[in-house]
PDB file of N, CA and C in Angstrom:
ATOM      1  N   MET A   1       0.811  -1.204   0.000  1.00  0.00           N
ATOM      2  CA  MET A   1       0.000   0.000   0.000  1.00  0.00           C
ATOM      3  C   MET A   1       0.850   1.262   0.000  1.00  0.00           C
ATOM      4  N   ALA A   2       2.142   1.120   0.120  1.00  0.00           N
ATOM      5  CA  ALA A   2       3.014   2.288   0.204  1.00  0.00           C
ATOM      6  C   ALA A   2       3.021   3.101  -1.088  1.00  0.00           C
ATOM      7  N   TYR A   3       2.719   2.483  -2.201  1.00  0.00           N
ATOM      8  CA  TYR A   3       2.668   3.201  -3.467  1.00  0.00           C
ATOM      9  C   TYR A   3       1.286   3.815  -3.638  1.00  0.00           C
ATOM     10  N   GLU A   4       1.248   5.073  -4.007  1.00  0.00           N
ATOM     11  CA  GLU A   4      -0.038   5.765  -4.126  1.00  0.00           C
ATOM     12  C   GLU A   4      -0.964   5.096  -5.136  1.00  0.00           C
ATOM     13  N   HIS A   5      -0.413   4.519  -6.197  1.00  0.00           N
ATOM     14  CA  HIS A   5      -1.258   3.872  -7.204  1.00  0.00           C
ATOM     15  C   HIS A   5      -1.897   2.600  -6.650  1.00  0.00           C
ATOM     16  N   ARG A   6      -1.156   1.884  -5.813  1.00  0.00           N
ATOM     17  CA  ARG A   6      -1.731   0.676  -5.204  1.00  0.00           C
ATOM     18  C   ARG A   6      -2.848   1.049  -4.244  1.00  0.00           C
ATOM     19  N   LEU A   7      -2.638   2.086  -3.466  1.00  0.00           N
ATOM     20  CA  LEU A   7      -3.698   2.551  -2.565  1.00  0.00           C
ATOM     21  C   LEU A   7      -4.899   3.026  -3.375  1.00  0.00           C
ATOM     22  N   HIS A   8      -4.662   3.704  -4.471  1.00  0.00           N
ATOM     23  CA  HIS A   8      -5.741   4.167  -5.345  1.00  0.00           C
ATOM     24  C   HIS A   8      -6.564   2.978  -5.851  1.00  0.00           C
ATOM     25  N   VAL A   9      -5.886   1.910  -6.271  1.00  0.00           N
ATOM     26  CA  VAL A   9      -6.576   0.704  -6.733  1.00  0.00           C
ATOM     27  C   VAL A   9      -7.426   0.131  -5.612  1.00  0.00           C
ATOM     28  N   LEU A  10      -6.868   0.033  -4.413  1.00  0.00           N
ATOM     29  CA  LEU A  10      -7.626  -0.507  -3.274  1.00  0.00           C
ATOM     30  C   LEU A  10      -8.862   0.337  -2.982  1.00  0.00           C
ATOM     31  N   ILE A  11      -8.714   1.639  -3.063  1.00  0.00           N
ATOM     32  CA  ILE A  11      -9.859   2.538  -2.825  1.00  0.00           C
ATOM     33  C   ILE A  11     -10.936   2.299  -3.882  1.00  0.00           C
ATOM     34  N   LEU A  12     -10.536   2.177  -5.135  1.00  0.00           N
ATOM     35  CA  LEU A  12     -11.503   1.928  -6.205  1.00  0.00           C
ATOM     36  C   LEU A  12     -12.203   0.585  -6.022  1.00  0.00           C
ATOM     37  N   LEU A  13     -11.477  -0.412  -5.582  1.00  0.00           N
ATOM     38  CA  LEU A  13     -12.063  -1.741  -5.418  1.00  0.00           C
ATOM     39  C   LEU A  13     -12.988  -1.829  -4.207  1.00  0.00           C
ATOM     40  N   ARG A  14     -12.966  -0.836  -3.332  1.00  0.00           N
ATOM     41  CA  ARG A  14     -13.939  -0.785  -2.230  1.00  0.00           C
ATOM     42  C   ARG A  14     -15.360  -0.717  -2.787  1.00  0.00           C
ATOM     43  N   ALA A  15     -15.510  -0.127  -3.965  1.00  0.00           N
ATOM     44  CA  ALA A  15     -16.834   0.012  -4.588  1.00  0.00           C
ATOM     45  C   ALA A  15     -17.278  -1.274  -5.274  1.00  0.00           C
ATOM     46  N   GLY A  16     -16.369  -2.245  -5.420  1.00  0.00           N
ATOM     47  CA  GLY A  16     -16.723  -3.504  -6.054  1.00  0.00           C
ATOM     48  C   GLY A  16     -15.708  -3.928  -7.090  1.00  0.00           C
ATOM     49  N   GLU A  17     -16.011  -5.027  -7.704  1.00  0.00           N
ATOM     50  CA  GLU A  17     -15.150  -5.673  -8.683  1.00  0.00           C
ATOM     51  C   GLU A  17     -14.885  -4.763  -9.889  1.00  0.00           C
ATOM     52  N   ALA A  18     -13.679  -4.869 -10.437  1.00  0.00           N
ATOM     53  CA  ALA A  18     -13.337  -4.055 -11.612  1.00  0.00           C
ATOM     54  C   ALA A  18     -12.341  -4.803 -12.493  1.00  0.00           C
ATOM     55  N   THR A  19     -12.375  -4.485 -13.767  1.00  0.00           N
ATOM     56  CA  THR A  19     -11.417  -5.042 -14.720  1.00  0.00           C
ATOM     57  C   THR A  19     -10.189  -4.129 -14.766  1.00  0.00           C
ATOM     58  N   PRO A  20      -9.076  -4.648 -15.254  1.00  0.00           N
ATOM     59  CA  PRO A  20      -7.905  -3.784 -15.421  1.00  0.00           C
ATOM     60  C   PRO A  20      -8.185  -2.591 -16.332  1.00  0.00           C
ATOM     61  N   THR A  21      -9.003  -2.795 -17.344  1.00  0.00           N
ATOM     62  CA  THR A  21      -9.351  -1.702 -18.258  1.00  0.00           C
ATOM     63  C   THR A  21     -10.081  -0.591 -17.514  1.00  0.00           C
ATOM     64  N   ALA A  22     -11.041  -0.963 -16.679  1.00  0.00           N
ATOM     65  CA  ALA A  22     -11.794   0.033 -15.905  1.00  0.00           C
ATOM     66  C   ALA A  22     -10.878   0.754 -14.925  1.00  0.00           C
ATOM     67  N   LEU A  23      -9.973   0.028 -14.287  1.00  0.00           N
ATOM     68  CA  LEU A  23      -9.039   0.658 -13.353  1.00  0.00           C
ATOM     69  C   LEU A  23      -8.089   1.598 -14.084  1.00  0.00           C
ATOM     70  N   ALA A  24      -7.637   1.198 -15.264  1.00  0.00           N
ATOM     71  CA  ALA A  24      -6.696   2.016 -16.037  1.00  0.00           C
ATOM     72  C   ALA A  24      -7.314   3.328 -16.488  1.00  0.00           C
ATOM     73  N   GLU A  25      -8.628   3.369 -16.595  1.00  0.00           N
ATOM     74  CA  GLU A  25      -9.299   4.617 -16.981  1.00  0.00           C
ATOM     75  C   GLU A  25      -9.256   5.652 -15.861  1.00  0.00           C
ATOM     76  N   VAL A  26      -9.029   5.200 -14.634  1.00  0.00           N
ATOM     77  CA  VAL A  26      -9.076   6.095 -13.480  1.00  0.00           C
ATOM     78  C   VAL A  26      -7.706   6.312 -12.846  1.00  0.00           C
ATOM     79  N   VAL A  27      -6.908   5.278 -12.768  1.00  0.00           N
ATOM     80  CA  VAL A  27      -5.595   5.377 -12.121  1.00  0.00           C
ATOM     81  C   VAL A  27      -4.599   5.971 -13.124  1.00  0.00           C
ATOM     82  N   PRO A  28      -3.956   7.082 -12.770  1.00  0.00           N
ATOM     83  CA  PRO A  28      -3.067   7.770 -13.716  1.00  0.00           C
ATOM     84  C   PRO A  28      -1.695   7.105 -13.832  1.00  0.00           C
ATOM     85  N   VAL A  29      -1.684   5.911 -14.430  1.00  0.00           N
ATOM     86  CA  VAL A  29      -0.435   5.168 -14.585  1.00  0.00           C
ATOM     87  C   VAL A  29      -0.551   4.329 -15.859  1.00  0.00           C
ATOM     88  N   HIS A  30       0.582   4.022 -16.477  1.00  0.00           N
ATOM     89  CA  HIS A  30       0.585   3.207 -17.686  1.00  0.00           C
ATOM     90  C   HIS A  30       0.011   1.830 -17.371  1.00  0.00           C
ATOM     91  N   VAL A  31      -0.655   1.224 -18.338  1.00  0.00           N
ATOM     92  CA  VAL A  31      -1.315  -0.075 -18.154  1.00  0.00           C
ATOM     93  C   VAL A  31      -0.323  -1.137 -17.680  1.00  0.00           C
ATOM     94  N   THR A  32       0.890  -1.123 -18.191  1.00  0.00           N
ATOM     95  CA  THR A  32       1.900  -2.086 -17.771  1.00  0.00           C
ATOM     96  C   THR A  32       2.219  -1.926 -16.288  1.00  0.00           C
ATOM     97  N   ALA A  33       2.353  -0.696 -15.837  1.00  0.00           N
ATOM     98  CA  ALA A  33       2.620  -0.434 -14.421  1.00  0.00           C
ATOM     99  C   ALA A  33       1.426  -0.848 -13.565  1.00  0.00           C
ATOM    100  N   LEU A  34       0.218  -0.607 -14.056  1.00  0.00           N
ATOM    101  CA  LEU A  34      -0.985  -1.008 -13.322  1.00  0.00           C
ATOM    102  C   LEU A  34      -1.011  -2.527 -13.155  1.00  0.00           C
ATOM    103  N   SER A  35      -0.678  -3.246 -14.188  1.00  0.00           N
ATOM    104  CA  SER A  35      -0.621  -4.703 -14.121  1.00  0.00           C
ATOM    105  C   SER A  35       0.387  -5.154 -13.063  1.00  0.00           C
ATOM    106  N   HIS A  36       1.516  -4.487 -13.022  1.00  0.00           N
ATOM    107  CA  HIS A  36       2.556  -4.780 -12.036  1.00  0.00           C
ATOM    108  C   HIS A  36       2.014  -4.550 -10.618  1.00  0.00           C
ATOM    109  N   HIS A  37       1.352  -3.433 -10.400  1.00  0.00           N
ATOM    110  CA  HIS A  37       0.783  -3.122  -9.090  1.00  0.00           C
ATOM    111  C   HIS A  37      -0.284  -4.154  -8.693  1.00  0.00           C
ATOM    112  N   LEU A  38      -1.125  -4.524  -9.644  1.00  0.00           N
ATOM    113  CA  LEU A  38      -2.160  -5.520  -9.355  1.00  0.00           C
ATOM    114  C   LEU A  38      -1.540  -6.854  -8.953  1.00  0.00           C
ATOM    115  N   ARG A  39      -0.493  -7.251  -9.636  1.00  0.00           N
ATOM    116  CA  ARG A  39       0.171  -8.516  -9.307  1.00  0.00           C
ATOM    117  C   ARG A  39       0.703  -8.490  -7.876  1.00  0.00           C
ATOM    118  N   HIS A  40       1.302  -7.376  -7.483  1.00  0.00           N
ATOM    119  CA  HIS A  40       1.821  -7.257  -6.118  1.00  0.00           C
ATOM    120  C   HIS A  40       0.690  -7.268  -5.083  1.00  0.00           C
ATOM    121  N   LEU A  41      -0.412  -6.613  -5.397  1.00  0.00           N
ATOM    122  CA  LEU A  41      -1.548  -6.607  -4.472  1.00  0.00           C
ATOM    123  C   LEU A  41      -2.141  -8.010  -4.325  1.00  0.00           C
ATOM    124  N   VAL A  42      -2.206  -8.757  -5.409  1.00  0.00           N
ATOM    125  CA  VAL A  42      -2.698 -10.137  -5.356  1.00  0.00           C
ATOM    126  C   VAL A  42      -1.733 -10.987  -4.529  1.00  0.00           C
ATOM    127  N   ASP A  43      -0.441 -10.854  -4.798  1.00  0.00           N
ATOM    128  CA  ASP A  43       0.573 -11.618  -4.061  1.00  0.00           C
ATOM    129  C   ASP A  43       0.532 -11.325  -2.557  1.00  0.00           C
ATOM    130  N   ALA A  44       0.189 -10.099  -2.198  1.00  0.00           N
ATOM    131  CA  ALA A  44       0.116  -9.702  -0.787  1.00  0.00           C
ATOM    132  C   ALA A  44      -1.196 -10.132  -0.133  1.00  0.00           C
ATOM    133  N   GLY A  45      -2.128 -10.642  -0.937  1.00  0.00           N
ATOM    134  CA  GLY A  45      -3.416 -11.064  -0.388  1.00  0.00           C
ATOM    135  C   GLY A  45      -4.406  -9.935  -0.175  1.00  0.00           C
ATOM    136  N   LEU A  46      -4.087  -8.747  -0.701  1.00  0.00           N
ATOM    137  CA  LEU A  46      -4.976  -7.594  -0.535  1.00  0.00           C
ATOM    138  C   LEU A  46      -6.025  -7.502  -1.632  1.00  0.00           C
ATOM    139  N   VAL A  47      -5.806  -8.224  -2.725  1.00  0.00           N
ATOM    140  CA  VAL A  47      -6.729  -8.208  -3.868  1.00  0.00           C
ATOM    141  C   VAL A  47      -6.917  -9.640  -4.359  1.00  0.00           C
ATOM    142  N   ARG A  48      -8.132  -9.931  -4.786  1.00  0.00           N
ATOM    143  CA  ARG A  48      -8.461 -11.244  -5.344  1.00  0.00           C
ATOM    144  C   ARG A  48      -8.637 -11.098  -6.849  1.00  0.00           C
ATOM    145  N   ARG A  49      -8.160 -12.091  -7.571  1.00  0.00           N
ATOM    146  CA  ARG A  49      -8.280 -12.105  -9.032  1.00  0.00           C
ATOM    147  C   ARG A  49      -9.217 -13.233  -9.429  1.00  0.00           C
ATOM    148  N   ARG A  50     -10.168 -12.927 -10.322  1.00  0.00           N
ATOM    149  CA  ARG A  50     -11.127 -13.921 -10.801  1.00  0.00           C
ATOM    150  C   ARG A  50     -11.198 -13.820 -12.311  1.00  0.00           C
ATOM    151  N   ARG A  51     -11.164 -14.969 -12.949  1.00  0.00           N
ATOM    152  CA  ARG A  51     -11.228 -14.992 -14.407  1.00  0.00           C
ATOM    153  C   ARG A  51     -12.577 -15.571 -14.833  1.00  0.00           C
ATOM    154  N   ARG A  52     -13.205 -14.889 -15.791  1.00  0.00           N
ATOM    155  CA  ARG A  52     -14.423 -15.403 -16.432  1.00  0.00           C
ATOM    156  C   ARG A  52     -14.173 -15.344 -17.931  1.00  0.00           C
ATOM    157  N   GLY A  53     -13.896 -16.531 -18.508  1.00  0.00           N
ATOM    158  CA  GLY A  53     -13.527 -16.563 -19.925  1.00  0.00           C
ATOM    159  C   GLY A  53     -12.217 -15.840 -20.123  1.00  0.00           C
ATOM    160  N   ARG A  54     -12.222 -14.873 -21.014  1.00  0.00           N
ATOM    161  CA  ARG A  54     -11.007 -14.089 -21.279  1.00  0.00           C
ATOM    162  C   ARG A  54     -10.912 -12.855 -20.400  1.00  0.00           C
ATOM    163  N   GLN A  55     -11.962 -12.572 -19.664  1.00  0.00           N
ATOM    164  CA  GLN A  55     -12.013 -11.369 -18.833  1.00  0.00           C
ATOM    165  C   GLN A  55     -11.478 -11.659 -17.421  1.00  0.00           C
ATOM    166  N   VAL A  56     -10.739 -10.716 -16.865  1.00  0.00           N
ATOM    167  CA  VAL A  56     -10.203 -10.830 -15.514  1.00  0.00           C
ATOM    168  C   VAL A  56     -10.839  -9.735 -14.667  1.00  0.00           C
ATOM    169  N   PHE A  57     -11.243 -10.111 -13.463  1.00  0.00           N
ATOM    170  CA  PHE A  57     -11.856  -9.176 -12.533  1.00  0.00           C
ATOM    171  C   PHE A  57     -11.045  -9.156 -11.242  1.00  0.00           C
ATOM    172  N   TYR A  58     -10.900  -7.980 -10.678  1.00  0.00           N
ATOM    173  CA  TYR A  58     -10.200  -7.816  -9.404  1.00  0.00           C
ATOM    174  C   TYR A  58     -11.184  -7.279  -8.376  1.00  0.00           C
ATOM    175  N   SER A  59     -10.993  -7.716  -7.134  1.00  0.00           N
ATOM    176  CA  SER A  59     -11.842  -7.247  -6.043  1.00  0.00           C
ATOM    177  C   SER A  59     -11.088  -7.386  -4.730  1.00  0.00           C
ATOM    178  N   LEU A  60     -11.625  -6.763  -3.694  1.00  0.00           N
ATOM    179  CA  LEU A  60     -11.074  -6.963  -2.357  1.00  0.00           C
ATOM    180  C   LEU A  60     -11.546  -8.325  -1.876  1.00  0.00           C
ATOM    181  N   PRO A  61     -10.691  -9.085  -1.206  1.00  0.00           N
ATOM    182  CA  PRO A  61     -11.031 -10.466  -0.877  1.00  0.00           C
ATOM    183  C   PRO A  61     -12.056 -10.641   0.237  1.00  0.00           C
ATOM    184  N   ASP A  62     -12.161  -9.671   1.148  1.00  0.00           N
ATOM    185  CA  ASP A  62     -13.069  -9.857   2.276  1.00  0.00           C
ATOM    186  C   ASP A  62     -13.328  -8.528   2.983  1.00  0.00           C
ATOM    187  N   GLU A  63     -14.223  -8.573   3.942  1.00  0.00           N
ATOM    188  CA  GLU A  63     -14.598  -7.377   4.691  1.00  0.00           C
ATOM    189  C   GLU A  63     -13.426  -6.846   5.523  1.00  0.00           C
ATOM    190  N   ALA A  64     -12.561  -7.732   5.988  1.00  0.00           N
ATOM    191  CA  ALA A  64     -11.399  -7.291   6.772  1.00  0.00           C
ATOM    192  C   ALA A  64     -10.492  -6.383   5.940  1.00  0.00           C
ATOM    193  N   THR A  65     -10.345  -6.679   4.675  1.00  0.00           N
ATOM    194  CA  THR A  65      -9.519  -5.845   3.794  1.00  0.00           C
ATOM    195  C   THR A  65     -10.186  -4.498   3.562  1.00  0.00           C
ATOM    196  N   VAL A  66     -11.502  -4.494   3.438  1.00  0.00           N
ATOM    197  CA  VAL A  66     -12.238  -3.228   3.305  1.00  0.00           C
ATOM    198  C   VAL A  66     -11.991  -2.374   4.545  1.00  0.00           C
ATOM    199  N   ARG A  67     -12.080  -2.980   5.717  1.00  0.00           N
ATOM    200  CA  ARG A  67     -11.844  -2.231   6.962  1.00  0.00           C
ATOM    201  C   ARG A  67     -10.403  -1.721   7.035  1.00  0.00           C
ATOM    202  N   LEU A  68      -9.447  -2.528   6.572  1.00  0.00           N
ATOM    203  CA  LEU A  68      -8.052  -2.104   6.565  1.00  0.00           C
ATOM    204  C   LEU A  68      -7.870  -0.863   5.695  1.00  0.00           C
ATOM    205  N   VAL A  69      -8.440  -0.871   4.506  1.00  0.00           N
ATOM    206  CA  VAL A  69      -8.350   0.288   3.611  1.00  0.00           C
ATOM    207  C   VAL A  69      -9.020   1.499   4.261  1.00  0.00           C
ATOM    208  N   ASP A  70     -10.171   1.287   4.876  1.00  0.00           N
ATOM    209  CA  ASP A  70     -10.854   2.384   5.562  1.00  0.00           C
ATOM    210  C   ASP A  70      -9.990   2.971   6.680  1.00  0.00           C
ATOM    211  N   GLU A  71      -9.304   2.105   7.430  1.00  0.00           N
ATOM    212  CA  GLU A  71      -8.434   2.574   8.517  1.00  0.00           C
ATOM    213  C   GLU A  71      -7.244   3.359   7.984  1.00  0.00           C
ATOM    214  N   VAL A  72      -6.666   2.917   6.886  1.00  0.00           N
ATOM    215  CA  VAL A  72      -5.550   3.651   6.272  1.00  0.00           C
ATOM    216  C   VAL A  72      -6.027   5.035   5.851  1.00  0.00           C
ATOM    217  N   LEU A  73      -7.195   5.096   5.233  1.00  0.00           N
ATOM    218  CA  LEU A  73      -7.740   6.393   4.811  1.00  0.00           C
ATOM    219  C   LEU A  73      -8.037   7.288   6.013  1.00  0.00           C
ATOM    220  N   ARG A  74      -8.562   6.702   7.068  1.00  0.00           N
ATOM    221  CA  ARG A  74      -8.851   7.469   8.284  1.00  0.00           C
ATOM    222  C   ARG A  74      -7.539   7.993   8.881  1.00  0.00           C
ATOM    223  N   PHE A  75      -6.514   7.155   8.906  1.00  0.00           N
ATOM    224  CA  PHE A  75      -5.217   7.571   9.435  1.00  0.00           C
ATOM    225  C   PHE A  75      -4.657   8.752   8.644  1.00  0.00           C
ATOM    226  N   VAL A  76      -4.709   8.653   7.317  1.00  0.00           N
ATOM    227  CA  VAL A  76      -4.200   9.724   6.460  1.00  0.00           C
ATOM    228  C   VAL A  76      -4.995  11.005   6.681  1.00  0.00           C
ATOM    229  N   ARG A  77      -6.315  10.877   6.776  1.00  0.00           N
ATOM    230  CA  ARG A  77      -7.167  12.041   6.979  1.00  0.00           C
ATOM    231  C   ARG A  77      -6.893  12.726   8.307  1.00  0.00           C
ATOM    232  N   ASP A  78      -6.674  11.928   9.361  1.00  0.00           N
ATOM    233  CA  ASP A  78      -6.528  12.484  10.702  1.00  0.00           C
ATOM    234  C   ASP A  78      -5.096  12.802  11.109  1.00  0.00           C
ATOM    235  N   ALA A  79      -4.130  12.448  10.268  1.00  0.00           N
ATOM    236  CA  ALA A  79      -2.720  12.686  10.614  1.00  0.00           C
ATOM    237  C   ALA A  79      -2.440  14.179  10.699  1.00  0.00           C
ATOM    238  N   PRO A  80      -1.681  14.577  11.722  1.00  0.00           N
ATOM    239  CA  PRO A  80      -1.327  16.002  11.824  1.00  0.00           C
ATOM    240  C   PRO A  80      -0.485  16.436  10.624  1.00  0.00           C
ATOM    241  N   ARG A  81      -0.752  17.610  10.146  1.00  0.00           N
ATOM    242  CA  ARG A  81      -0.022  18.144   9.003  1.00  0.00           C
ATOM    243  C   ARG A  81       1.245  18.843   9.487  1.00  0.00           C
ATOM    244  N   ALA A  82       2.349  18.610   8.797  1.00  0.00           N
ATOM    245  CA  ALA A  82       3.629  19.236   9.189  1.00  0.00           C
ATOM    246  C   ALA A  82       3.742  20.625   8.624  1.00  0.00           C
TER     247      ALA A  82
END
């Protein structure tokens, strides 16, 4: 989650399942880099990958991950500004 693009992906996936194409329309990063970030998020267990035919869908794996993302956002929001 240390990379802003990975956190951005996690925030987007809070709303539900998404394809890499849909994520690439919103996350300001090259598609190749987005794929790299998604692979790391899957490897870390923060994102689930599901294939239906040729289409791939990404989502948060469980409610605990949703709460984790919410806590990170709350921490960032409430952190004292330097």
